PDB file of N, CA and C in Angstrom:
ATOM      1  N   UNK A   1       0.850  -1.176   0.000  1.00  0.00           N
ATOM      2  CA  UNK A   1       0.000   0.000   0.000  1.00  0.00           C
ATOM      3  C   UNK A   1       0.895   1.237   0.000  1.00  0.00           C
ATOM      4  N   UNK A   2       0.549   2.151  -0.820  1.00  0.00           N
ATOM      5  CA  UNK A   2       1.328   3.375  -0.900  1.00  0.00           C
ATOM      6  C   UNK A   2       1.002   4.294   0.273  1.00  0.00           C
ATOM      7  N   UNK A   3       1.957   5.130   0.584  1.00  0.00           N
ATOM      8  CA  UNK A   3       1.801   6.067   1.693  1.00  0.00           C
ATOM      9  C   UNK A   3       0.599   6.978   1.482  1.00  0.00           C
ATOM     10  N   UNK A   4       0.387   7.410   0.248  1.00  0.00           N
ATOM     11  CA  UNK A   4      -0.753   8.281  -0.063  1.00  0.00           C
ATOM     12  C   UNK A   4      -2.072   7.589   0.264  1.00  0.00           C
ATOM     13  N   UNK A   5      -2.200   6.322  -0.138  1.00  0.00           N
ATOM     14  CA  UNK A   5      -3.427   5.577   0.135  1.00  0.00           C
ATOM     15  C   UNK A   5      -3.659   5.429   1.628  1.00  0.00           C
ATOM     16  N   UNK A   6      -2.588   5.169   2.363  1.00  0.00           N
ATOM     17  CA  UNK A   6      -2.687   5.046   3.809  1.00  0.00           C
ATOM     18  C   UNK A   6      -3.134   6.368   4.429  1.00  0.00           C
ATOM     19  N   UNK A   7      -2.570   7.461   3.958  1.00  0.00           N
ATOM     20  CA  UNK A   7      -2.931   8.782   4.466  1.00  0.00           C
ATOM     21  C   UNK A   7      -4.392   9.102   4.181  1.00  0.00           C
ATOM     22  N   UNK A   8      -4.847   8.789   2.976  1.00  0.00           N
ATOM     23  CA  UNK A   8      -6.228   9.076   2.598  1.00  0.00           C
ATOM     24  C   UNK A   8      -7.191   8.257   3.448  1.00  0.00           C
ATOM     25  N   UNK A   9      -6.888   6.984   3.651  1.00  0.00           N
ATOM     26  CA  UNK A   9      -7.764   6.132   4.464  1.00  0.00           C
ATOM     27  C   UNK A   9      -7.804   6.615   5.905  1.00  0.00           C
ATOM     28  N   UNK A  10      -6.655   6.987   6.448  1.00  0.00           N
ATOM     29  CA  UNK A  10      -6.592   7.482   7.822  1.00  0.00           C
ATOM     30  C   UNK A  10      -7.354   8.798   7.954  1.00  0.00           C
ATOM     31  N   UNK A  11      -7.203   9.669   6.980  1.00  0.00           N
ATOM     32  CA  UNK A  11      -7.908  10.947   6.996  1.00  0.00           C
ATOM     33  C   UNK A  11      -9.416  10.735   6.907  1.00  0.00           C
ATOM     34  N   UNK A  12      -9.845   9.805   6.051  1.00  0.00           N
ATOM     35  CA  UNK A  12     -11.269   9.507   5.917  1.00  0.00           C
ATOM     36  C   UNK A  12     -11.807   8.958   7.235  1.00  0.00           C
ATOM     37  N   UNK A  13     -11.061   8.062   7.868  1.00  0.00           N
ATOM     38  CA  UNK A  13     -11.534   7.473   9.122  1.00  0.00           C
ATOM     39  C   UNK A  13     -11.651   8.544  10.209  1.00  0.00           C
ATOM     40  N   UNK A  14     -10.699   9.465  10.268  1.00  0.00           N
ATOM     41  CA  UNK A  14     -10.786  10.551  11.244  1.00  0.00           C
ATOM     42  C   UNK A  14     -12.013  11.422  10.981  1.00  0.00           C
ATOM     43  N   UNK A  15     -12.280  11.715   9.728  1.00  0.00           N
ATOM     44  CA  UNK A  15     -13.476  12.488   9.381  1.00  0.00           C
ATOM     45  C   UNK A  15     -14.744  11.713   9.731  1.00  0.00           C
ATOM     46  N   UNK A  16     -14.711  10.401   9.512  1.00  0.00           N
ATOM     47  CA  UNK A  16     -15.856   9.553   9.855  1.00  0.00           C
ATOM     48  C   UNK A  16     -16.115   9.583  11.358  1.00  0.00           C
ATOM     49  N   UNK A  17     -15.057   9.527  12.148  1.00  0.00           N
ATOM     50  CA  UNK A  17     -15.194   9.575  13.616  1.00  0.00           C
ATOM     51  C   UNK A  17     -15.876  10.872  14.026  1.00  0.00           C
ATOM     52  N   UNK A  18     -15.458  11.980  13.456  1.00  0.00           N
ATOM     53  CA  UNK A  18     -16.049  13.273  13.786  1.00  0.00           C
ATOM     54  C   UNK A  18     -17.526  13.304  13.394  1.00  0.00           C
ATOM     55  N   UNK A  19     -17.848  12.766  12.222  1.00  0.00           N
ATOM     56  CA  UNK A  19     -19.245  12.737  11.779  1.00  0.00           C
ATOM     57  C   UNK A  19     -20.085  11.848  12.692  1.00  0.00           C
ATOM     58  N   UNK A  20     -19.532  10.715  13.119  1.00  0.00           N
ATOM     59  CA  UNK A  20     -20.253   9.813  14.026  1.00  0.00           C
ATOM     60  C   UNK A  20     -20.470  10.494  15.371  1.00  0.00           C
ATOM     61  N   UNK A  21     -19.441  11.173  15.883  1.00  0.00           N
ATOM     62  CA  UNK A  21     -19.588  11.894  17.152  1.00  0.00           C
ATOM     63  C   UNK A  21     -20.691  12.948  17.043  1.00  0.00           C
ATOM     64  N   UNK A  22     -20.667  13.699  15.961  1.00  0.00           N
ATOM     65  CA  UNK A  22     -21.660  14.752  15.764  1.00  0.00           C
ATOM     66  C   UNK A  22     -23.069  14.167  15.721  1.00  0.00           C
ATOM     67  N   UNK A  23     -23.226  13.088  14.991  1.00  0.00           N
ATOM     68  CA  UNK A  23     -24.544  12.460  14.865  1.00  0.00           C
ATOM     69  C   UNK A  23     -24.995  11.857  16.195  1.00  0.00           C
ATOM     70  N   UNK A  24     -24.084  11.252  16.943  1.00  0.00           N
ATOM     71  CA  UNK A  24     -24.441  10.702  18.250  1.00  0.00           C
ATOM     72  C   UNK A  24     -24.854  11.810  19.222  1.00  0.00           C
ATOM     73  N   UNK A  25     -24.195  12.942  19.149  1.00  0.00           N
ATOM     74  CA  UNK A  25     -24.569  14.074  20.008  1.00  0.00           C
ATOM     75  C   UNK A  25     -25.979  14.538  19.660  1.00  0.00           C
ATOM     76  N   UNK A  26     -26.293  14.594  18.363  1.00  0.00           N
ATOM     77  CA  UNK A  26     -27.645  15.000  17.966  1.00  0.00           C
ATOM     78  C   UNK A  26     -28.687  13.990  18.447  1.00  0.00           C
ATOM     79  N   UNK A  27     -28.351  12.710  18.392  1.00  0.00           N
ATOM     80  CA  UNK A  27     -29.264  11.671  18.883  1.00  0.00           C
ATOM     81  C   UNK A  27     -29.483  11.844  20.381  1.00  0.00           C
ATOM     82  N   UNK A  28     -28.397  12.104  21.126  1.00  0.00           N
ATOM     83  CA  UNK A  28     -28.506  12.304  22.576  1.00  0.00           C
ATOM     84  C   UNK A  28     -29.329  13.545  22.896  1.00  0.00           C
ATOM     85  N   UNK A  29     -29.114  14.611  22.139  1.00  0.00           N
ATOM     86  CA  UNK A  29     -29.838  15.857  22.390  1.00  0.00           C
ATOM     87  C   UNK A  29     -31.339  15.715  22.138  1.00  0.00           C
ATOM     88  N   UNK A  30     -31.716  14.816  21.244  1.00  0.00           N
ATOM     89  CA  UNK A  30     -33.137  14.574  20.999  1.00  0.00           C
ATOM     90  C   UNK A  30     -33.749  13.684  22.071  1.00  0.00           C
ATOM     91  N   UNK A  31     -32.919  13.169  22.976  1.00  0.00           N
ATOM     92  CA  UNK A  31     -33.420  12.344  24.060  1.00  0.00           C
ATOM     93  C   UNK A  31     -33.696  10.907  23.678  1.00  0.00           C
ATOM     94  N   UNK A  32     -33.204  10.482  22.516  1.00  0.00           N
ATOM     95  CA  UNK A  32     -33.412   9.100  22.098  1.00  0.00           C
ATOM     96  C   UNK A  32     -32.533   8.172  22.922  1.00  0.00           C
ATOM     97  N   UNK A  33     -33.098   7.064  23.349  1.00  0.00           N
ATOM     98  CA  UNK A  33     -32.327   6.101  24.139  1.00  0.00           C
ATOM     99  C   UNK A  33     -31.623   5.082  23.261  1.00  0.00           C
ATOM    100  N   UNK A  34     -32.058   4.965  22.000  1.00  0.00           N
ATOM    101  CA  UNK A  34     -31.394   4.077  21.051  1.00  0.00           C
ATOM    102  C   UNK A  34     -31.799   4.464  19.640  1.00  0.00           C
ATOM    103  N   UNK A  35     -30.986   4.028  18.685  1.00  0.00           N
ATOM    104  CA  UNK A  35     -31.269   4.256  17.274  1.00  0.00           C
ATOM    105  C   UNK A  35     -30.839   3.003  16.530  1.00  0.00           C
ATOM    106  N   UNK A  36     -31.606   2.618  15.524  1.00  0.00           N
ATOM    107  CA  UNK A  36     -31.232   1.417  14.778  1.00  0.00           C
ATOM    108  C   UNK A  36     -29.951   1.688  13.992  1.00  0.00           C
ATOM    109  N   UNK A  37     -29.144   0.662  13.875  1.00  0.00           N
ATOM    110  CA  UNK A  37     -27.873   0.799  13.168  1.00  0.00           C
ATOM    111  C   UNK A  37     -28.107   1.164  11.705  1.00  0.00           C
ATOM    112  N   UNK A  38     -29.136   0.570  11.096  1.00  0.00           N
ATOM    113  CA  UNK A  38     -29.438   0.896   9.697  1.00  0.00           C
ATOM    114  C   UNK A  38     -29.853   2.355   9.535  1.00  0.00           C
ATOM    115  N   UNK A  39     -30.644   2.864  10.454  1.00  0.00           N
ATOM    116  CA  UNK A  39     -31.069   4.267  10.407  1.00  0.00           C
ATOM    117  C   UNK A  39     -29.855   5.185  10.572  1.00  0.00           C
ATOM    118  N   UNK A  40     -28.968   4.836  11.498  1.00  0.00           N
ATOM    119  CA  UNK A  40     -27.757   5.620  11.739  1.00  0.00           C
ATOM    120  C   UNK A  40     -26.887   5.633  10.479  1.00  0.00           C
ATOM    121  N   UNK A  41     -26.749   4.455   9.842  1.00  0.00           N
ATOM    122  CA  UNK A  41     -25.972   4.369   8.603  1.00  0.00           C
ATOM    123  C   UNK A  41     -26.570   5.248   7.513  1.00  0.00           C
ATOM    124  N   UNK A  42     -27.896   5.266   7.409  1.00  0.00           N
ATOM    125  CA  UNK A  42     -28.518   6.079   6.365  1.00  0.00           C
ATOM    126  C   UNK A  42     -28.334   7.572   6.645  1.00  0.00           C
ATOM    127  N   UNK A  43     -28.368   7.965   7.921  1.00  0.00           N
ATOM    128  CA  UNK A  43     -28.121   9.362   8.264  1.00  0.00           C
ATOM    129  C   UNK A  43     -26.684   9.756   7.943  1.00  0.00           C
ATOM    130  N   UNK A  44     -25.756   8.858   8.200  1.00  0.00           N
ATOM    131  CA  UNK A  44     -24.353   9.125   7.848  1.00  0.00           C
ATOM    132  C   UNK A  44     -24.185   9.205   6.334  1.00  0.00           C
ATOM    133  N   UNK A  45     -24.876   8.343   5.614  1.00  0.00           N
ATOM    134  CA  UNK A  45     -24.777   8.335   4.155  1.00  0.00           C
ATOM    135  C   UNK A  45     -25.262   9.658   3.575  1.00  0.00           C
ATOM    136  N   UNK A  46     -26.276  10.246   4.192  1.00  0.00           N
ATOM    137  CA  UNK A  46     -26.766  11.548   3.726  1.00  0.00           C
ATOM    138  C   UNK A  46     -25.714  12.627   3.893  1.00  0.00           C
ATOM    139  N   UNK A  47     -24.782  12.410   4.836  1.00  0.00           N
ATOM    140  CA  UNK A  47     -23.692  13.368   5.051  1.00  0.00           C
ATOM    141  C   UNK A  47     -22.475  13.032   4.192  1.00  0.00           C
ATOM    142  N   UNK A  48     -22.574  11.959   3.398  1.00  0.00           N
ATOM    143  CA  UNK A  48     -21.478  11.593   2.504  1.00  0.00           C
ATOM    144  C   UNK A  48     -20.578  10.498   3.025  1.00  0.00           C
ATOM    145  N   UNK A  49     -20.946   9.850   4.103  1.00  0.00           N
ATOM    146  CA  UNK A  49     -20.128   8.789   4.688  1.00  0.00           C
ATOM    147  C   UNK A  49     -20.837   7.449   4.531  1.00  0.00           C
ATOM    148  N   UNK A  50     -20.591   6.799   3.409  1.00  0.00           N
ATOM    149  CA  UNK A  50     -21.165   5.491   3.151  1.00  0.00           C
ATOM    150  C   UNK A  50     -20.190   4.461   3.715  1.00  0.00           C
ATOM    151  N   UNK A  51     -20.634   3.721   4.725  1.00  0.00           N
ATOM    152  CA  UNK A  51     -19.758   2.777   5.398  1.00  0.00           C
ATOM    153  C   UNK A  51     -20.416   1.409   5.485  1.00  0.00           C
ATOM    154  N   UNK A  52     -19.601   0.422   5.767  1.00  0.00           N
ATOM    155  CA  UNK A  52     -20.138  -0.899   6.062  1.00  0.00           C
ATOM    156  C   UNK A  52     -20.563  -0.905   7.523  1.00  0.00           C
ATOM    157  N   UNK A  53     -21.331  -1.900   7.878  1.00  0.00           N
ATOM    158  CA  UNK A  53     -21.778  -2.009   9.268  1.00  0.00           C
ATOM    159  C   UNK A  53     -20.589  -2.214  10.197  1.00  0.00           C
ATOM    160  N   UNK A  54     -19.618  -3.007   9.775  1.00  0.00           N
ATOM    161  CA  UNK A  54     -18.439  -3.244  10.612  1.00  0.00           C
ATOM    162  C   UNK A  54     -17.633  -1.960  10.824  1.00  0.00           C
ATOM    163  N   UNK A  55     -17.478  -1.160   9.766  1.00  0.00           N
ATOM    164  CA  UNK A  55     -16.784   0.126   9.909  1.00  0.00           C
ATOM    165  C   UNK A  55     -17.537   1.043  10.857  1.00  0.00           C
ATOM    166  N   UNK A  56     -18.849   1.045  10.734  1.00  0.00           N
ATOM    167  CA  UNK A  56     -19.664   1.890  11.599  1.00  0.00           C
ATOM    168  C   UNK A  56     -19.536   1.463  13.054  1.00  0.00           C
ATOM    169  N   UNK A  57     -19.601   0.178  13.314  1.00  0.00           N
ATOM    170  CA  UNK A  57     -19.483  -0.324  14.684  1.00  0.00           C
ATOM    171  C   UNK A  57     -18.127   0.065  15.271  1.00  0.00           C
ATOM    172  N   UNK A  58     -17.069  -0.084  14.483  1.00  0.00           N
ATOM    173  CA  UNK A  58     -15.728   0.288  14.948  1.00  0.00           C
ATOM    174  C   UNK A  58     -15.652   1.783  15.239  1.00  0.00           C
ATOM    175  N   UNK A  59     -16.232   2.597  14.361  1.00  0.00           N
ATOM    176  CA  UNK A  59     -16.193   4.050  14.544  1.00  0.00           C
ATOM    177  C   UNK A  59     -16.977   4.462  15.793  1.00  0.00           C
ATOM    178  N   UNK A  60     -18.152   3.871  15.994  1.00  0.00           N
ATOM    179  CA  UNK A  60     -18.944   4.204  17.175  1.00  0.00           C
ATOM    180  C   UNK A  60     -18.194   3.793  18.440  1.00  0.00           C
ATOM    181  N   UNK A  61     -17.577   2.634  18.423  1.00  0.00           N
ATOM    182  CA  UNK A  61     -16.782   2.200  19.582  1.00  0.00           C
ATOM    183  C   UNK A  61     -15.624   3.153  19.850  1.00  0.00           C
ATOM    184  N   UNK A  62     -14.981   3.624  18.790  1.00  0.00           N
ATOM    185  CA  UNK A  62     -13.837   4.522  18.952  1.00  0.00           C
ATOM    186  C   UNK A  62     -14.230   5.891  19.498  1.00  0.00           C
ATOM    187  N   UNK A  63     -15.473   6.311  19.304  1.00  0.00           N
ATOM    188  CA  UNK A  63     -15.877   7.619  19.806  1.00  0.00           C
ATOM    189  C   UNK A  63     -16.046   7.618  21.316  1.00  0.00           C
ATOM    190  N   UNK A  64     -16.467   6.495  21.879  1.00  0.00           N
ATOM    191  CA  UNK A  64     -16.737   6.453  23.314  1.00  0.00           C
ATOM    192  C   UNK A  64     -18.045   7.126  23.685  1.00  0.00           C
ATOM    193  N   UNK A  65     -18.872   7.460  22.692  1.00  0.00           N
ATOM    194  CA  UNK A  65     -20.132   8.158  22.930  1.00  0.00           C
ATOM    195  C   UNK A  65     -21.313   7.208  23.048  1.00  0.00           C
ATOM    196  N   UNK A  66     -21.083   5.896  22.986  1.00  0.00           N
ATOM    197  CA  UNK A  66     -22.182   4.935  23.038  1.00  0.00           C
ATOM    198  C   UNK A  66     -21.890   3.887  24.109  1.00  0.00           C
ATOM    199  N   UNK A  67     -22.954   3.461  24.792  1.00  0.00           N
ATOM    200  CA  UNK A  67     -22.783   2.407  25.788  1.00  0.00           C
ATOM    201  C   UNK A  67     -22.748   1.039  25.137  1.00  0.00           C
ATOM    202  N   UNK A  68     -23.450   0.880  24.013  1.00  0.00           N
ATOM    203  CA  UNK A  68     -23.376  -0.374  23.274  1.00  0.00           C
ATOM    204  C   UNK A  68     -23.704  -0.124  21.806  1.00  0.00           C
ATOM    205  N   UNK A  69     -23.139  -0.980  20.978  1.00  0.00           N
ATOM    206  CA  UNK A  69     -23.386  -0.899  19.542  1.00  0.00           C
ATOM    207  C   UNK A  69     -23.287  -2.318  18.987  1.00  0.00           C
ATOM    208  N   UNK A  70     -24.248  -2.669  18.147  1.00  0.00           N
ATOM    209  CA  UNK A  70     -24.213  -3.949  17.443  1.00  0.00           C
ATOM    210  C   UNK A  70     -24.892  -3.774  16.092  1.00  0.00           C
ATOM    211  N   UNK A  71     -25.141  -4.856  15.405  1.00  0.00           N
ATOM    212  CA  UNK A  71     -25.721  -4.783  14.066  1.00  0.00           C
ATOM    213  C   UNK A  71     -27.179  -4.317  14.081  1.00  0.00           C
ATOM    214  N   UNK A  72     -27.826  -4.383  15.230  1.00  0.00           N
ATOM    215  CA  UNK A  72     -29.232  -4.028  15.332  1.00  0.00           C
ATOM    216  C   UNK A  72     -29.462  -2.588  15.785  1.00  0.00           C
ATOM    217  N   UNK A  73     -28.746  -2.171  16.845  1.00  0.00           N
ATOM    218  CA  UNK A  73     -29.007  -0.841  17.403  1.00  0.00           C
ATOM    219  C   UNK A  73     -27.760  -0.244  18.033  1.00  0.00           C
ATOM    220  N   UNK A  74     -27.831   1.067  18.209  1.00  0.00           N
ATOM    221  CA  UNK A  74     -26.779   1.840  18.881  1.00  0.00           C
ATOM    222  C   UNK A  74     -27.442   2.514  20.073  1.00  0.00           C
ATOM    223  N   UNK A  75     -26.838   2.344  21.239  1.00  0.00           N
ATOM    224  CA  UNK A  75     -27.362   2.968  22.455  1.00  0.00           C
ATOM    225  C   UNK A  75     -26.375   4.044  22.885  1.00  0.00           C
ATOM    226  N   UNK A  76     -26.729   5.322  22.665  1.00  0.00           N
ATOM    227  CA  UNK A  76     -25.815   6.403  23.056  1.00  0.00           C
ATOM    228  C   UNK A  76     -25.748   6.543  24.579  1.00  0.00           C
ATOM    229  N   UNK A  77     -24.633   7.077  25.037  1.00  0.00           N
ATOM    230  CA  UNK A  77     -24.501   7.350  26.465  1.00  0.00           C
ATOM    231  C   UNK A  77     -25.500   8.422  26.859  1.00  0.00           C
ATOM    232  N   UNK A  78     -25.871   8.422  28.121  1.00  0.00           N
ATOM    233  CA  UNK A  78     -26.821   9.419  28.600  1.00  0.00           C
ATOM    234  C   UNK A  78     -26.233  10.805  28.673  1.00  0.00           C
ATOM    235  N   UNK A  79     -24.920  10.883  28.891  1.00  0.00           N
ATOM    236  CA  UNK A  79     -24.250  12.181  28.995  1.00  0.00           C
ATOM    237  C   UNK A  79     -22.965  12.136  28.198  1.00  0.00           C
ATOM    238  N   UNK A  80     -22.526  13.304  27.791  1.00  0.00           N
ATOM    239  CA  UNK A  80     -21.256  13.394  27.102  1.00  0.00           C
ATOM    240  C   UNK A  80     -20.116  13.201  28.090  1.00  0.00           C
ATOM    241  N   UNK A  81     -18.983  12.682  27.630  1.00  0.00           N
ATOM    242  CA  UNK A  81     -17.824  12.582  28.513  1.00  0.00           C
ATOM    243  C   UNK A  81     -17.412  13.968  29.013  1.00  0.00           C
ATOM    244  N   UNK A  82     -16.821  14.016  30.209  1.00  0.00           N
ATOM    245  CA  UNK A  82     -16.422  15.288  30.804  1.00  0.00           C
ATOM    246  C   UNK A  82     -15.484  16.079  29.902  1.00  0.00           C
ATOM    247  N   UNK A  83     -14.583  15.391  29.212  1.00  0.00           N
ATOM    248  CA  UNK A  83     -13.642  16.125  28.371  1.00  0.00           C
ATOM    249  C   UNK A  83     -14.330  16.778  27.177  1.00  0.00           C
ATOM    250  N   UNK A  84     -15.510  16.309  26.796  1.00  0.00           N
ATOM    251  CA  UNK A  84     -16.245  16.961  25.720  1.00  0.00           C
ATOM    252  C   UNK A  84     -17.090  18.117  26.252  1.00  0.00           C
ATOM    253  N   UNK A  85     -17.542  18.012  27.481  1.00  0.00           N
ATOM    254  CA  UNK A  85     -18.362  19.075  28.059  1.00  0.00           C
ATOM    255  C   UNK A  85     -17.519  20.310  28.368  1.00  0.00           C
ATOM    256  N   UNK A  86     -16.304  20.100  28.812  1.00  0.00           N
ATOM    257  CA  UNK A  86     -15.390  21.200  29.120  1.00  0.00           C
ATOM    258  C   UNK A  86     -14.416  21.316  27.970  1.00  0.00           C
ATOM    259  N   UNK A  87     -14.862  21.888  26.898  1.00  0.00           N
ATOM    260  CA  UNK A  87     -14.088  21.904  25.661  1.00  0.00           C
ATOM    261  C   UNK A  87     -13.048  23.016  25.646  1.00  0.00           C
ATOM    262  N   UNK A  88     -12.265  23.097  26.697  1.00  0.00           N
ATOM    263  CA  UNK A  88     -11.167  24.050  26.715  1.00  0.00           C
ATOM    264  C   UNK A  88      -9.959  23.385  26.085  1.00  0.00           C
ATOM    265  N   UNK A  89      -9.167  24.142  25.363  1.00  0.00           N
ATOM    266  CA  UNK A  89      -7.996  23.526  24.744  1.00  0.00           C
ATOM    267  C   UNK A  89      -7.019  23.020  25.800  1.00  0.00           C
ATOM    268  N   UNK A  90      -6.408  21.882  25.500  1.00  0.00           N
ATOM    269  CA  UNK A  90      -5.453  21.295  26.432  1.00  0.00           C
ATOM    270  C   UNK A  90      -4.155  22.095  26.457  1.00  0.00           C
ATOM    271  N   UNK A  91      -3.917  22.875  25.427  1.00  0.00           N
ATOM    272  CA  UNK A  91      -2.688  23.643  25.301  1.00  0.00           C
ATOM    273  C   UNK A  91      -3.045  25.126  25.250  1.00  0.00           C
ATOM    274  N   UNK A  92      -2.329  25.933  26.003  1.00  0.00           N
ATOM    275  CA  UNK A  92      -2.527  27.377  25.969  1.00  0.00           C
ATOM    276  C   UNK A  92      -1.708  27.934  24.808  1.00  0.00           C
ATOM    277  N   UNK A  93      -2.351  28.134  23.682  1.00  0.00           N
ATOM    278  CA  UNK A  93      -1.660  28.549  22.464  1.00  0.00           C
ATOM    279  C   UNK A  93      -1.027  29.926  22.631  1.00  0.00           C
ATOM    280  N   UNK A  94      -1.724  30.823  23.280  1.00  0.00           N
ATOM    281  CA  UNK A  94      -1.167  32.164  23.488  1.00  0.00           C
ATOM    282  C   UNK A  94       0.109  32.127  24.299  1.00  0.00           C
ATOM    283  N   UNK A  95       0.122  31.319  25.341  1.00  0.00           N
ATOM    284  CA  UNK A  95       1.313  31.169  26.174  1.00  0.00           C
ATOM    285  C   UNK A  95       2.460  30.553  25.380  1.00  0.00           C
ATOM    286  N   UNK A  96       2.146  29.546  24.558  1.00  0.00           N
ATOM    287  CA  UNK A  96       3.177  28.917  23.736  1.00  0.00           C
ATOM    288  C   UNK A  96       3.773  29.914  22.751  1.00  0.00           C
ATOM    289  N   UNK A  97       2.928  30.741  22.149  1.00  0.00           N
ATOM    290  CA  UNK A  97       3.410  31.733  21.182  1.00  0.00           C
ATOM    291  C   UNK A  97       4.296  32.763  21.875  1.00  0.00           C
ATOM    292  N   UNK A  98       3.884  33.190  23.066  1.00  0.00           N
ATOM    293  CA  UNK A  98       4.700  34.148  23.821  1.00  0.00           C
ATOM    294  C   UNK A  98       6.057  33.573  24.193  1.00  0.00           C
ATOM    295  N   UNK A  99       6.072  32.318  24.628  1.00  0.00           N
ATOM    296  CA  UNK A  99       7.336  31.655  24.976  1.00  0.00           C
ATOM    297  C   UNK A  99       8.242  31.530  23.765  1.00  0.00           C
ATOM    298  N   UNK A 100       7.667  31.159  22.618  1.00  0.00           N
ATOM    299  CA  UNK A 100       8.463  31.027  21.404  1.00  0.00           C
ATOM    300  C   UNK A 100       9.015  32.383  20.965  1.00  0.00           C
ATOM    301  N   UNK A 101       8.220  33.431  21.097  1.00  0.00           N
ATOM    302  CA  UNK A 101       8.685  34.768  20.733  1.00  0.00           C
ATOM    303  C   UNK A 101       9.856  35.188  21.615  1.00  0.00           C
ATOM    304  N   UNK A 102       9.764  34.914  22.911  1.00  0.00           N
ATOM    305  CA  UNK A 102      10.861  35.266  23.830  1.00  0.00           C
ATOM    306  C   UNK A 102      12.119  34.465  23.476  1.00  0.00           C
ATOM    307  N   UNK A 103      11.984  33.208  23.134  1.00  0.00           N
ATOM    308  CA  UNK A 103      13.132  32.386  22.744  1.00  0.00           C
ATOM    309  C   UNK A 103      13.782  32.968  21.491  1.00  0.00           C
ATOM    310  N   UNK A 104      12.955  33.373  20.526  1.00  0.00           N
ATOM    311  CA  UNK A 104      13.480  33.940  19.285  1.00  0.00           C
ATOM    312  C   UNK A 104      14.201  35.258  19.535  1.00  0.00           C
ATOM    313  N   UNK A 105      13.660  36.084  20.416  1.00  0.00           N
ATOM    314  CA  UNK A 105      14.288  37.361  20.738  1.00  0.00           C
ATOM    315  C   UNK A 105      15.628  37.123  21.415  1.00  0.00           C
ATOM    316  N   UNK A 106      15.653  36.210  22.378  1.00  0.00           N
ATOM    317  CA  UNK A 106      16.900  35.894  23.085  1.00  0.00           C
ATOM    318  C   UNK A 106      17.937  35.308  22.140  1.00  0.00           C
ATOM    319  N   UNK A 107      17.501  34.501  21.181  1.00  0.00           N
ATOM    320  CA  UNK A 107      18.430  33.906  20.220  1.00  0.00           C
ATOM    321  C   UNK A 107      19.045  34.976  19.306  1.00  0.00           C
ATOM    322  N   UNK A 108      18.275  36.026  19.005  1.00  0.00           N
ATOM    323  CA  UNK A 108      18.795  37.095  18.157  1.00  0.00           C
ATOM    324  C   UNK A 108      19.797  37.967  18.874  1.00  0.00           C
ATOM    325  N   UNK A 109      19.712  38.021  20.213  1.00  0.00           N
ATOM    326  CA  UNK A 109      20.632  38.870  20.973  1.00  0.00           C
ATOM    327  C   UNK A 109      21.932  38.207  21.062  1.00  0.00           C
TER     328      UNK A 109
END
């Protein structure tokens, strides 16, 4: 397999994970306790993500947003994980930029 093909597949899978997370959040927000796997697949397909059932199950498992998933139904978690609720960046970008600027200034002196 060429590096390009590997990159494209990895990029597609990452995009699929984001789409699955988004759709699971919408399902949770509507208060649904479960959704059929076929219905979930069709909703993803409308967004441009045509997947096999096995790919979908793997993606849902990787999100951590569901308590169970199988070929019949997906049961979303009742609440979002804490790290999703407190969506503050893990890295202080402004602080990093300031530190890098000071390093660059000191290097020029």
